C-alpha cells in the first residue's frame, strides 16, 4: 500500500497525483491463478469486496495474479526510483 491509497495525503493537503504523495507503479504479466491458488484469491478479493461474491457468473470472471517484473516508486520530484521484485518482496518493515 502506498500513501496515495490512504487518507494521509488528503489530511496533509497533497494532491494524490503529486510526487509528495508516494505511490508505486507495478508492471508484469497477468496470469490466471491455478487450482491450488484459487481459494486464496477468492478470500483475498471478497474480504475487501464482499459484494463481488454475488456478481453474475455469466460474465465469465476468473481470478488472476500479477507476476511483477518492474516496480517504480514515485515519492519525490526528479523521477521514480527503480526497485527490483526481489527487493520489494524481501523488505524489512520498521
Protein backbone atom coordinates (compact mmCIF):
# COMPACT_ATOMS: atom_id res chain seq x y z
CA UNK A 1 0.00 0.00 0.00
CA UNK A 2 1.24 3.48 -0.77
CA UNK A 3 0.37 6.88 0.69
CA UNK A 4 -1.84 7.61 -2.34
CA UNK A 5 -4.14 4.79 -1.16
CA UNK A 6 -4.58 6.21 2.33
CA UNK A 7 -6.03 9.44 3.69
CA UNK A 8 -2.53 10.73 4.60
CA UNK A 9 -2.26 12.92 1.51
CA UNK A 10 -5.74 14.40 1.85
CA UNK A 11 -5.14 15.19 5.53
CA UNK A 12 -1.86 16.93 4.65
CA UNK A 13 -3.22 18.84 1.66
CA UNK A 14 -1.35 16.84 -1.02
CA UNK A 15 -2.90 16.00 -4.36
CA UNK A 16 -2.86 12.17 -4.73
CA UNK A 17 -1.05 12.62 -8.07
CA UNK A 18 1.70 14.78 -6.54
CA UNK A 19 5.12 13.14 -6.12
CA UNK A 20 4.87 14.20 -2.45
CA UNK A 21 2.08 11.63 -2.11
CA UNK A 22 4.17 8.48 -2.53
CA UNK A 23 2.86 5.75 -4.78
CA UNK A 24 4.14 2.70 -6.58
CA UNK A 25 3.72 1.55 -10.15
CA UNK A 26 3.82 -2.20 -10.80
CA UNK A 27 4.01 -3.92 -14.17
CA UNK A 28 4.31 -7.51 -15.27
CA UNK A 29 2.32 -10.38 -16.72
CA UNK A 30 -1.22 -11.10 -15.58
CA UNK A 31 -1.87 -14.83 -15.40
CA UNK A 32 -4.88 -16.88 -14.36
CA UNK A 33 -4.34 -18.50 -10.95
CA UNK A 34 -4.11 -22.28 -10.81
CA UNK A 35 -6.45 -24.58 -8.88
CA UNK A 36 -4.29 -24.53 -5.74
CA UNK A 37 -4.34 -20.71 -5.63
CA UNK A 38 -7.99 -20.02 -6.39
CA UNK A 39 -9.30 -20.32 -2.81
CA UNK A 40 -6.68 -17.87 -1.54
CA UNK A 41 -7.50 -15.48 -4.41
CA UNK A 42 -11.23 -15.62 -3.66
CA UNK A 43 -10.74 -14.98 0.06
CA UNK A 44 -8.35 -12.10 -0.62
CA UNK A 45 -10.74 -10.42 -3.05
CA UNK A 46 -14.00 -11.00 -1.20
CA UNK A 47 -12.65 -9.75 2.14
CA UNK A 48 -12.22 -6.31 0.56
CA UNK A 49 -15.12 -6.51 -1.91
CA UNK A 50 -17.84 -8.79 -0.46
CA UNK A 51 -20.46 -7.63 -2.96
CA UNK A 52 -18.47 -9.30 -5.74
CA UNK A 53 -19.47 -12.75 -4.40
CA UNK A 54 -22.89 -12.26 -5.95
CA UNK A 55 -21.86 -10.82 -9.31
CA UNK A 56 -23.26 -12.85 -12.23
CA UNK A 57 -21.13 -15.83 -13.23
CA UNK A 58 -22.36 -15.31 -16.79
CA UNK A 59 -19.71 -12.59 -17.10
CA UNK A 60 -17.08 -15.38 -17.09
CA UNK A 61 -14.99 -13.90 -14.27
CA UNK A 62 -11.71 -15.55 -13.39
CA UNK A 63 -9.06 -14.97 -10.76
CA UNK A 64 -5.64 -13.77 -11.83
CA UNK A 65 -2.39 -12.55 -10.34
CA UNK A 66 0.29 -10.10 -11.41
CA UNK A 67 3.74 -11.63 -11.80
CA UNK A 68 5.68 -8.45 -11.11
CA UNK A 69 8.66 -7.67 -13.32
CA UNK A 70 9.04 -3.90 -12.83
CA UNK A 71 8.47 -1.63 -9.84
CA UNK A 72 8.78 2.13 -9.75
CA UNK A 73 8.45 4.16 -6.54
CA UNK A 74 7.46 7.78 -7.03
CA UNK A 75 7.93 9.57 -3.73
CA UNK A 76 9.50 12.91 -4.59
CA UNK A 77 10.33 15.13 -7.55
CA UNK A 78 13.02 14.03 -10.02
CA UNK A 79 11.56 10.80 -11.29
CA UNK A 80 10.84 7.36 -9.91
CA UNK A 81 13.21 5.03 -8.11
CA UNK A 82 13.51 1.53 -9.54
CA UNK A 83 13.04 -1.36 -7.11
CA UNK A 84 13.60 -4.98 -8.11
CA UNK A 85 10.91 -7.56 -7.28
CA UNK A 86 13.45 -9.27 -5.02
CA UNK A 87 13.97 -6.06 -3.02
CA UNK A 88 10.22 -5.46 -2.89
CA UNK A 89 9.38 -8.93 -1.53
CA UNK A 90 12.31 -9.01 0.93
CA UNK A 91 11.72 -5.66 2.61
CA UNK A 92 12.02 -5.45 6.39
CA UNK A 93 9.33 -3.23 7.88
CA UNK A 94 10.48 -0.81 10.54
